[in-house]
């Protein structure tokens, strides 16, 4: 059975520090030198605005779901609502992403608990081993059923990014059809 962290205390792991932080940020360097597309369609580079500094910030995140026709991506904050990128999007929902070799201007929409539960259940059907590891990483117990993933997803902050306009690889704005 998937349960929320007991007594309201988070059992999520601490943010990476030291060499683990360097390793986690390595994909940003790949995007900087033009090799982001080798990471495939499971990751994207998010450019967001720092809520206090106002500076451009970057993070590479896993894509939970992508709808190319609708121009949407769904992301999960595995470190919870206190993750810097999540808080920054809360403060300034407009951002830019690079997905494969394309760039897009996007707007962030924060999903409710019920939507999160359904997204996690769909993700678990598509990626059962990864879903089980993610639940363990985030401190949720699961029994492998869709119901347990649905309960876990209710406690994970999910964000849907929607295209505002597409940019070409040089950063020039292209109209969305």
N, C-alpha and C. Protein backbone atom coordinates (compact mmCIF):
# COMPACT_ATOMS: atom_id res chain seq x y z
N UNK A 1 0.84 -1.19 0.00
CA UNK A 1 0.00 0.00 0.00
C UNK A 1 0.88 1.24 0.00
N UNK A 2 0.55 2.20 -0.83
CA UNK A 2 1.28 3.46 -0.85
C UNK A 2 0.72 4.37 0.23
N UNK A 3 1.58 4.94 1.00
CA UNK A 3 1.13 5.85 2.04
C UNK A 3 1.89 7.15 1.94
N UNK A 4 1.28 8.18 2.46
CA UNK A 4 1.98 9.47 2.53
C UNK A 4 3.00 9.36 3.64
N UNK A 5 4.00 10.21 3.64
CA UNK A 5 4.95 10.22 4.74
C UNK A 5 4.20 10.36 6.05
N UNK A 6 4.60 9.59 7.05
CA UNK A 6 3.90 9.57 8.32
C UNK A 6 4.00 10.89 9.05
N UNK A 7 2.90 11.23 9.75
CA UNK A 7 2.84 12.42 10.59
C UNK A 7 3.21 13.69 9.84
N UNK A 8 2.98 13.72 8.52
CA UNK A 8 3.24 14.92 7.74
C UNK A 8 4.72 15.20 7.48
N UNK A 9 5.60 14.34 7.98
CA UNK A 9 7.03 14.56 7.74
C UNK A 9 7.41 13.93 6.41
N UNK A 10 8.19 14.65 5.65
CA UNK A 10 8.60 14.14 4.35
C UNK A 10 9.68 13.09 4.52
N UNK A 11 9.52 12.01 3.78
CA UNK A 11 10.56 10.99 3.75
C UNK A 11 11.33 11.07 2.44
N UNK A 12 11.11 12.16 1.71
CA UNK A 12 11.84 12.34 0.45
C UNK A 12 13.31 12.51 0.77
N UNK A 13 14.16 12.11 -0.16
CA UNK A 13 15.60 12.26 0.08
C UNK A 13 16.00 13.73 0.06
N UNK A 14 17.12 14.04 0.70
CA UNK A 14 17.59 15.43 0.64
C UNK A 14 18.07 15.75 -0.77
N UNK A 15 18.09 17.04 -1.09
CA UNK A 15 18.61 17.47 -2.38
C UNK A 15 20.06 17.03 -2.51
N UNK A 16 20.49 16.67 -3.71
CA UNK A 16 21.88 16.21 -3.88
C UNK A 16 22.88 17.33 -3.58
N UNK A 17 23.99 16.96 -2.98
CA UNK A 17 25.08 17.90 -2.67
C UNK A 17 26.40 17.28 -3.14
N UNK A 18 27.41 18.13 -3.24
CA UNK A 18 28.75 17.65 -3.60
C UNK A 18 28.78 17.00 -4.97
N UNK A 19 29.45 15.83 -5.06
CA UNK A 19 29.63 15.16 -6.34
C UNK A 19 28.29 14.69 -6.91
N UNK A 20 27.32 14.39 -6.05
CA UNK A 20 26.01 13.97 -6.55
C UNK A 20 25.29 15.12 -7.24
N UNK A 21 25.46 16.33 -6.73
CA UNK A 21 24.87 17.50 -7.38
C UNK A 21 25.53 17.73 -8.74
N UNK A 22 26.86 17.60 -8.79
CA UNK A 22 27.57 17.75 -10.07
C UNK A 22 27.07 16.72 -11.08
N UNK A 23 26.91 15.50 -10.63
CA UNK A 23 26.43 14.44 -11.51
C UNK A 23 25.00 14.74 -11.99
N UNK A 24 24.15 15.20 -11.08
CA UNK A 24 22.76 15.52 -11.43
C UNK A 24 22.68 16.68 -12.43
N UNK A 25 23.65 17.59 -12.39
CA UNK A 25 23.63 18.76 -13.27
C UNK A 25 24.40 18.53 -14.58
N UNK A 26 25.04 17.38 -14.73
CA UNK A 26 25.80 17.07 -15.94
C UNK A 26 24.97 17.20 -17.23
N UNK A 27 23.71 16.75 -17.25
CA UNK A 27 22.94 16.91 -18.49
C UNK A 27 22.77 18.37 -18.95
N UNK A 28 22.82 19.32 -18.03
CA UNK A 28 22.73 20.73 -18.43
C UNK A 28 23.90 21.07 -19.35
N UNK A 29 25.09 20.57 -19.02
CA UNK A 29 26.26 20.78 -19.86
C UNK A 29 26.09 20.18 -21.24
N UNK A 30 25.44 19.02 -21.31
CA UNK A 30 25.19 18.40 -22.61
C UNK A 30 24.30 19.29 -23.47
N UNK A 31 23.27 19.87 -22.86
CA UNK A 31 22.41 20.80 -23.61
C UNK A 31 23.20 22.03 -24.04
N UNK A 32 24.07 22.54 -23.18
CA UNK A 32 24.85 23.75 -23.50
C UNK A 32 25.74 23.57 -24.72
N UNK A 33 26.30 22.36 -24.89
CA UNK A 33 27.19 22.12 -26.03
C UNK A 33 26.45 21.51 -27.22
N UNK A 34 25.11 21.54 -27.17
CA UNK A 34 24.32 21.07 -28.30
C UNK A 34 24.06 19.58 -28.34
N UNK A 35 24.34 18.86 -27.25
CA UNK A 35 24.15 17.41 -27.25
C UNK A 35 22.90 16.97 -26.49
N UNK A 36 22.03 17.91 -26.16
CA UNK A 36 20.79 17.58 -25.46
C UNK A 36 19.96 16.52 -26.16
N UNK A 37 19.87 16.56 -27.51
CA UNK A 37 19.05 15.56 -28.20
C UNK A 37 19.49 14.11 -27.94
N UNK A 38 20.76 13.88 -27.58
CA UNK A 38 21.17 12.49 -27.31
C UNK A 38 20.50 11.94 -26.06
N UNK A 39 19.94 12.82 -25.22
CA UNK A 39 19.24 12.37 -24.02
C UNK A 39 17.85 11.82 -24.33
N UNK A 40 17.41 12.00 -25.58
CA UNK A 40 16.14 11.43 -26.01
C UNK A 40 14.93 12.21 -25.53
N UNK A 41 13.78 11.56 -25.59
CA UNK A 41 12.52 12.20 -25.27
C UNK A 41 12.08 12.04 -23.83
N UNK A 42 12.93 11.50 -22.97
CA UNK A 42 12.55 11.34 -21.56
C UNK A 42 12.98 12.51 -20.69
N UNK A 43 13.81 13.41 -21.24
CA UNK A 43 14.32 14.55 -20.47
C UNK A 43 14.10 15.84 -21.24
N UNK A 44 13.98 16.94 -20.50
CA UNK A 44 13.96 18.27 -21.11
C UNK A 44 14.75 19.23 -20.24
N UNK A 45 15.21 20.32 -20.87
CA UNK A 45 15.91 21.38 -20.16
C UNK A 45 14.92 22.50 -19.92
N UNK A 46 14.71 22.84 -18.65
CA UNK A 46 13.79 23.90 -18.26
C UNK A 46 14.59 25.15 -17.89
N UNK A 47 14.31 26.26 -18.58
CA UNK A 47 14.85 27.58 -18.25
C UNK A 47 13.74 28.29 -17.48
N UNK A 48 14.01 28.65 -16.24
CA UNK A 48 13.00 29.33 -15.43
C UNK A 48 13.64 30.52 -14.72
N UNK A 49 12.82 31.38 -14.17
CA UNK A 49 13.30 32.60 -13.52
C UNK A 49 13.37 32.40 -12.02
N UNK A 50 14.52 32.72 -11.43
CA UNK A 50 14.68 32.62 -9.98
C UNK A 50 13.70 33.55 -9.28
N UNK A 51 12.97 33.01 -8.31
CA UNK A 51 11.91 33.78 -7.65
C UNK A 51 12.45 34.94 -6.82
N UNK A 52 13.67 34.84 -6.33
CA UNK A 52 14.25 35.92 -5.54
C UNK A 52 15.23 36.75 -6.35
N UNK A 53 16.08 36.07 -7.10
CA UNK A 53 17.14 36.76 -7.84
C UNK A 53 16.66 37.34 -9.17
N UNK A 54 15.64 36.72 -9.77
CA UNK A 54 15.20 37.14 -11.09
C UNK A 54 16.13 36.65 -12.20
N UNK A 55 17.13 35.83 -11.85
CA UNK A 55 18.09 35.33 -12.83
C UNK A 55 17.55 34.09 -13.54
N UNK A 56 18.10 33.84 -14.75
CA UNK A 56 17.75 32.65 -15.50
C UNK A 56 18.34 31.43 -14.79
N UNK A 57 17.52 30.44 -14.53
CA UNK A 57 17.95 29.19 -13.89
C UNK A 57 17.66 28.05 -14.84
N UNK A 58 18.42 26.96 -14.70
CA UNK A 58 18.25 25.80 -15.58
C UNK A 58 18.25 24.52 -14.76
N UNK A 59 17.44 23.57 -15.22
CA UNK A 59 17.41 22.25 -14.62
C UNK A 59 16.94 21.26 -15.69
N UNK A 60 17.51 20.06 -15.68
CA UNK A 60 17.05 19.00 -16.57
C UNK A 60 16.12 18.10 -15.76
N UNK A 61 14.94 17.83 -16.33
CA UNK A 61 13.91 17.06 -15.63
C UNK A 61 13.39 15.93 -16.51
N UNK A 62 12.90 14.88 -15.85
CA UNK A 62 12.29 13.78 -16.59
C UNK A 62 10.89 14.17 -17.04
N UNK A 63 10.58 13.80 -18.26
CA UNK A 63 9.25 14.02 -18.82
C UNK A 63 8.39 12.82 -18.45
N UNK A 64 7.34 13.06 -17.68
CA UNK A 64 6.44 11.97 -17.28
C UNK A 64 5.49 11.62 -18.41
N UNK A 65 5.02 12.64 -19.12
CA UNK A 65 4.14 12.43 -20.27
C UNK A 65 4.33 13.60 -21.24
N UNK A 66 4.16 13.31 -22.52
CA UNK A 66 4.30 14.34 -23.55
C UNK A 66 3.23 14.12 -24.60
N UNK A 67 2.54 15.19 -24.97
CA UNK A 67 1.54 15.14 -26.04
C UNK A 67 1.99 16.13 -27.11
N UNK A 68 2.58 15.61 -28.18
CA UNK A 68 3.12 16.46 -29.23
C UNK A 68 2.04 17.26 -29.93
N UNK A 69 0.85 16.67 -30.14
CA UNK A 69 -0.23 17.39 -30.82
C UNK A 69 -0.72 18.57 -30.00
N UNK A 70 -0.84 18.38 -28.71
CA UNK A 70 -1.33 19.45 -27.83
C UNK A 70 -0.21 20.40 -27.39
N UNK A 71 1.04 19.97 -27.56
CA UNK A 71 2.17 20.79 -27.12
C UNK A 71 2.25 20.88 -25.62
N UNK A 72 2.16 19.70 -24.94
CA UNK A 72 2.22 19.68 -23.48
C UNK A 72 3.23 18.66 -22.99
N UNK A 73 3.80 18.95 -21.82
CA UNK A 73 4.71 18.05 -21.12
C UNK A 73 4.28 18.02 -19.66
N UNK A 74 4.34 16.86 -19.04
CA UNK A 74 4.03 16.76 -17.62
C UNK A 74 5.31 16.38 -16.89
N UNK A 75 5.58 17.13 -15.81
CA UNK A 75 6.75 16.93 -14.98
C UNK A 75 6.30 16.65 -13.55
N UNK A 76 7.13 15.94 -12.80
CA UNK A 76 6.86 15.69 -11.38
C UNK A 76 8.03 16.22 -10.56
N UNK A 77 7.70 16.78 -9.41
CA UNK A 77 8.75 17.25 -8.51
C UNK A 77 9.04 16.15 -7.49
N UNK A 78 10.01 15.31 -7.81
CA UNK A 78 10.36 14.20 -6.93
C UNK A 78 10.87 14.64 -5.57
N UNK A 79 11.40 15.85 -5.49
CA UNK A 79 11.87 16.38 -4.20
C UNK A 79 10.78 17.18 -3.50
N UNK A 80 9.56 17.14 -4.04
CA UNK A 80 8.43 17.79 -3.39
C UNK A 80 8.27 19.25 -3.78
N UNK A 81 7.34 19.92 -3.11
CA UNK A 81 7.03 21.31 -3.45
C UNK A 81 8.13 22.30 -3.07
N UNK A 82 9.14 21.86 -2.35
CA UNK A 82 10.22 22.77 -1.96
C UNK A 82 11.36 22.81 -2.97
N UNK A 83 11.28 22.00 -4.03
CA UNK A 83 12.31 22.03 -5.07
C UNK A 83 12.36 23.43 -5.68
N UNK A 84 13.54 23.95 -5.89
CA UNK A 84 13.70 25.33 -6.37
C UNK A 84 12.97 25.57 -7.68
N UNK A 85 13.10 24.65 -8.64
CA UNK A 85 12.46 24.87 -9.94
C UNK A 85 10.94 24.95 -9.78
N UNK A 86 10.38 24.13 -8.90
CA UNK A 86 8.94 24.12 -8.68
C UNK A 86 8.48 25.44 -8.05
N UNK A 87 9.19 25.90 -7.04
CA UNK A 87 8.86 27.17 -6.40
C UNK A 87 9.03 28.34 -7.38
N UNK A 88 10.07 28.26 -8.20
CA UNK A 88 10.29 29.33 -9.18
C UNK A 88 9.15 29.39 -10.21
N UNK A 89 8.68 28.23 -10.66
CA UNK A 89 7.55 28.22 -11.60
C UNK A 89 6.27 28.72 -10.93
N UNK A 90 6.12 28.42 -9.65
CA UNK A 90 4.96 28.94 -8.91
C UNK A 90 4.97 30.47 -8.93
N UNK A 91 6.16 31.05 -8.75
CA UNK A 91 6.29 32.50 -8.72
C UNK A 91 6.17 33.12 -10.12
N UNK A 92 6.75 32.46 -11.12
CA UNK A 92 6.74 32.95 -12.51
C UNK A 92 6.45 31.77 -13.42
N UNK A 93 5.16 31.54 -13.76
CA UNK A 93 4.79 30.35 -14.55
C UNK A 93 5.27 30.34 -16.00
N UNK A 94 5.67 31.48 -16.54
CA UNK A 94 6.19 31.50 -17.92
C UNK A 94 7.65 31.05 -17.88
N UNK A 95 8.02 30.18 -18.82
CA UNK A 95 9.37 29.63 -18.87
C UNK A 95 9.69 29.23 -20.31
N UNK A 96 10.88 28.69 -20.49
CA UNK A 96 11.29 28.15 -21.80
C UNK A 96 11.82 26.75 -21.56
N UNK A 97 11.64 25.90 -22.55
CA UNK A 97 12.21 24.55 -22.47
C UNK A 97 12.94 24.23 -23.76
N UNK A 98 13.85 23.27 -23.64
CA UNK A 98 14.44 22.64 -24.81
C UNK A 98 14.10 21.17 -24.69
N UNK A 99 13.44 20.66 -25.71
CA UNK A 99 13.05 19.26 -25.76
C UNK A 99 13.58 18.70 -27.06
N UNK A 100 14.45 17.71 -26.94
CA UNK A 100 15.20 17.20 -28.09
C UNK A 100 15.96 18.38 -28.70
N UNK A 101 15.74 18.69 -29.99
CA UNK A 101 16.48 19.79 -30.60
C UNK A 101 15.60 21.01 -30.84
N UNK A 102 14.49 21.10 -30.14
CA UNK A 102 13.56 22.24 -30.30
C UNK A 102 13.43 23.03 -29.00
N UNK A 103 13.13 24.31 -29.18
CA UNK A 103 12.92 25.20 -28.03
C UNK A 103 11.49 25.71 -28.06
N UNK A 104 10.91 25.85 -26.87
CA UNK A 104 9.53 26.30 -26.76
C UNK A 104 9.39 27.28 -25.60
N UNK A 105 8.53 28.27 -25.78
CA UNK A 105 8.08 29.10 -24.67
C UNK A 105 6.85 28.39 -24.10
N UNK A 106 6.78 28.25 -22.79
CA UNK A 106 5.71 27.48 -22.16
C UNK A 106 5.14 28.25 -20.97
N UNK A 107 3.95 27.82 -20.57
CA UNK A 107 3.30 28.31 -19.35
C UNK A 107 3.06 27.09 -18.46
N UNK A 108 3.35 27.23 -17.18
CA UNK A 108 3.19 26.14 -16.22
C UNK A 108 1.79 26.17 -15.61
N UNK A 109 1.20 24.98 -15.50
CA UNK A 109 -0.10 24.81 -14.85
C UNK A 109 0.08 23.72 -13.80
N UNK A 110 -0.31 24.00 -12.57
CA UNK A 110 -0.08 23.09 -11.45
C UNK A 110 -1.31 22.21 -11.27
N UNK A 111 -1.07 20.91 -11.26
CA UNK A 111 -2.16 19.94 -11.25
C UNK A 111 -2.60 19.61 -9.83
N UNK A 112 -3.88 19.28 -9.69
CA UNK A 112 -4.39 18.95 -8.36
C UNK A 112 -4.06 17.49 -8.02
N UNK A 113 -4.38 17.11 -6.79
CA UNK A 113 -4.02 15.77 -6.29
C UNK A 113 -4.66 14.66 -7.10
N UNK A 114 -5.93 14.82 -7.49
CA UNK A 114 -6.60 13.78 -8.27
C UNK A 114 -5.93 13.58 -9.63
N UNK A 115 -5.59 14.70 -10.29
CA UNK A 115 -4.89 14.60 -11.58
C UNK A 115 -3.54 13.92 -11.38
N UNK A 116 -2.84 14.27 -10.31
CA UNK A 116 -1.55 13.65 -10.02
C UNK A 116 -1.66 12.15 -9.84
N UNK A 117 -2.71 11.72 -9.14
CA UNK A 117 -2.93 10.29 -8.95
C UNK A 117 -3.13 9.55 -10.25
N UNK A 118 -3.92 10.13 -11.15
CA UNK A 118 -4.17 9.50 -12.44
C UNK A 118 -2.90 9.48 -13.30
N UNK A 119 -2.15 10.55 -13.26
CA UNK A 119 -0.90 10.61 -14.04
C UNK A 119 0.07 9.54 -13.56
N UNK A 120 0.20 9.40 -12.24
CA UNK A 120 1.13 8.41 -11.70
C UNK A 120 0.67 6.99 -12.05
N UNK A 121 -0.61 6.74 -12.04
CA UNK A 121 -1.12 5.41 -12.42
C UNK A 121 -0.80 5.12 -13.89
N UNK A 122 -1.00 6.10 -14.78
CA UNK A 122 -0.66 5.90 -16.20
C UNK A 122 0.85 5.69 -16.37
N UNK A 123 1.65 6.46 -15.63
CA UNK A 123 3.10 6.33 -15.71
C UNK A 123 3.52 4.92 -15.26
N UNK A 124 2.91 4.42 -14.20
CA UNK A 124 3.24 3.09 -13.68
C UNK A 124 2.90 2.00 -14.69
N UNK A 125 1.80 2.17 -15.43
CA UNK A 125 1.47 1.19 -16.47
C UNK A 125 2.52 1.19 -17.57
N UNK A 126 2.99 2.38 -17.94
CA UNK A 126 3.97 2.50 -19.03
C UNK A 126 5.39 2.14 -18.60
N UNK A 127 5.74 2.43 -17.35
CA UNK A 127 7.11 2.24 -16.84
C UNK A 127 7.07 1.62 -15.45
N UNK A 128 6.65 0.36 -15.32
CA UNK A 128 6.44 -0.23 -13.99
C UNK A 128 7.68 -0.27 -13.10
N UNK A 129 8.81 -0.65 -13.64
CA UNK A 129 10.02 -0.71 -12.81
C UNK A 129 10.47 0.67 -12.35
N UNK A 130 10.44 1.63 -13.28
CA UNK A 130 10.84 3.00 -12.93
C UNK A 130 9.87 3.58 -11.90
N UNK A 131 8.58 3.33 -12.06
CA UNK A 131 7.59 3.84 -11.11
C UNK A 131 7.85 3.28 -9.71
N UNK A 132 8.16 2.00 -9.64
CA UNK A 132 8.43 1.39 -8.33
C UNK A 132 9.67 2.03 -7.69
N UNK A 133 10.73 2.24 -8.49
CA UNK A 133 11.95 2.87 -7.96
C UNK A 133 11.69 4.31 -7.52
N UNK A 134 10.90 5.04 -8.33
CA UNK A 134 10.59 6.42 -7.98
C UNK A 134 9.81 6.50 -6.67
N UNK A 135 8.85 5.62 -6.49
CA UNK A 135 8.09 5.62 -5.23
C UNK A 135 9.00 5.33 -4.05
N UNK A 136 9.89 4.37 -4.21
CA UNK A 136 10.83 4.07 -3.12
C UNK A 136 11.76 5.26 -2.85
N UNK A 137 12.24 5.89 -3.92
CA UNK A 137 13.13 7.05 -3.80
C UNK A 137 12.45 8.19 -3.05
N UNK A 138 11.14 8.39 -3.32
CA UNK A 138 10.42 9.49 -2.71
C UNK A 138 9.83 9.14 -1.34
N UNK A 139 10.07 7.90 -0.90
CA UNK A 139 9.62 7.52 0.44
C UNK A 139 8.22 6.95 0.52
N UNK A 140 7.65 6.53 -0.60
CA UNK A 140 6.33 5.94 -0.59
C UNK A 140 6.45 4.43 -0.66
N UNK A 141 5.62 3.75 0.12
CA UNK A 141 5.56 2.29 0.03
C UNK A 141 4.54 1.96 -1.05
N UNK A 142 4.80 0.91 -1.80
CA UNK A 142 3.81 0.52 -2.81
C UNK A 142 3.74 -0.99 -2.88
N UNK A 143 2.58 -1.48 -3.33
CA UNK A 143 2.39 -2.92 -3.47
C UNK A 143 2.33 -3.32 -4.93
N UNK A 144 2.66 -2.38 -5.83
CA UNK A 144 2.68 -2.68 -7.25
C UNK A 144 1.35 -2.55 -7.95
N UNK A 145 0.29 -2.19 -7.21
CA UNK A 145 -1.02 -2.04 -7.85
C UNK A 145 -1.19 -0.59 -8.33
N UNK A 146 -2.08 -0.43 -9.31
CA UNK A 146 -2.35 0.92 -9.81
C UNK A 146 -2.93 1.80 -8.71
N UNK A 147 -3.68 1.19 -7.81
CA UNK A 147 -4.24 1.96 -6.68
C UNK A 147 -3.14 2.54 -5.81
N UNK A 148 -2.09 1.78 -5.58
CA UNK A 148 -1.00 2.30 -4.75
C UNK A 148 -0.25 3.43 -5.46
N UNK A 149 -0.09 3.31 -6.77
CA UNK A 149 0.56 4.40 -7.52
C UNK A 149 -0.33 5.64 -7.56
N UNK A 150 -1.63 5.41 -7.67
CA UNK A 150 -2.58 6.52 -7.67
C UNK A 150 -2.50 7.26 -6.33
N UNK A 151 -2.43 6.52 -5.21
CA UNK A 151 -2.31 7.16 -3.90
C UNK A 151 -1.00 7.92 -3.77
N UNK A 152 0.09 7.35 -4.29
CA UNK A 152 1.38 8.05 -4.24
C UNK A 152 1.31 9.33 -5.07
N UNK A 153 0.72 9.24 -6.26
CA UNK A 153 0.63 10.40 -7.14
C UNK A 153 -0.16 11.55 -6.55
N UNK A 154 -1.04 11.27 -5.62
CA UNK A 154 -1.80 12.33 -4.96
C UNK A 154 -0.90 13.19 -4.07
N UNK A 155 0.28 12.69 -3.72
CA UNK A 155 1.20 13.41 -2.84
C UNK A 155 2.42 13.96 -3.57
N UNK A 156 2.44 13.82 -4.89
CA UNK A 156 3.58 14.30 -5.69
C UNK A 156 3.12 15.54 -6.45
N UNK A 157 3.87 16.64 -6.38
CA UNK A 157 3.50 17.82 -7.15
C UNK A 157 3.78 17.61 -8.65
N UNK A 158 2.74 17.72 -9.47
CA UNK A 158 2.87 17.59 -10.92
C UNK A 158 2.62 18.95 -11.58
N UNK A 159 3.32 19.19 -12.67
CA UNK A 159 3.19 20.43 -13.44
C UNK A 159 2.99 20.05 -14.89
N UNK A 160 2.03 20.71 -15.55
CA UNK A 160 1.85 20.55 -16.98
C UNK A 160 2.38 21.83 -17.65
N UNK A 161 3.30 21.66 -18.57
CA UNK A 161 3.82 22.78 -19.35
C UNK A 161 3.08 22.80 -20.68
N UNK A 162 2.56 23.97 -21.06
CA UNK A 162 1.84 24.11 -22.33
C UNK A 162 2.56 25.13 -23.19
N UNK A 163 2.69 24.80 -24.48
CA UNK A 163 3.37 25.70 -25.41
C UNK A 163 2.62 27.01 -25.53
N UNK A 164 3.37 28.09 -25.43
CA UNK A 164 2.86 29.42 -25.70
C UNK A 164 3.23 29.76 -27.14
N UNK A 165 4.48 29.49 -27.48
CA UNK A 165 4.95 29.62 -28.86
C UNK A 165 6.20 28.75 -29.00
N UNK A 166 6.44 28.29 -30.21
CA UNK A 166 7.63 27.48 -30.46
C UNK A 166 8.73 28.38 -30.98
N UNK A 167 9.97 28.09 -30.61
CA UNK A 167 11.11 28.84 -31.12
C UNK A 167 11.97 27.90 -31.94
N UNK A 168 12.63 28.42 -32.96
CA UNK A 168 13.55 27.57 -33.70
C UNK A 168 14.83 27.43 -32.89
N UNK A 169 15.77 26.64 -33.36
CA UNK A 169 16.98 26.36 -32.59
C UNK A 169 17.85 27.59 -32.38
N UNK A 170 17.66 28.64 -33.14
CA UNK A 170 18.42 29.88 -32.95
C UNK A 170 17.70 30.80 -31.96
N UNK A 171 16.53 30.37 -31.45
CA UNK A 171 15.80 31.15 -30.48
C UNK A 171 14.80 32.12 -31.07
N UNK A 172 14.62 32.08 -32.40
CA UNK A 172 13.65 32.97 -33.04
C UNK A 172 12.24 32.40 -32.85
N UNK A 173 11.29 33.27 -32.61
CA UNK A 173 9.92 32.87 -32.36
C UNK A 173 9.26 32.38 -33.64
N UNK A 174 8.56 31.26 -33.54
CA UNK A 174 7.74 30.73 -34.63
C UNK A 174 6.30 30.67 -34.13
N UNK A 175 5.36 30.96 -34.98
CA UNK A 175 3.96 30.89 -34.56
C UNK A 175 3.52 29.45 -34.40
N UNK A 176 2.67 29.25 -33.39
CA UNK A 176 2.08 27.94 -33.18
C UNK A 176 0.87 27.81 -34.09
N UNK A 177 0.72 26.68 -34.77
CA UNK A 177 -0.40 26.48 -35.72
C UNK A 177 -1.69 26.35 -34.98
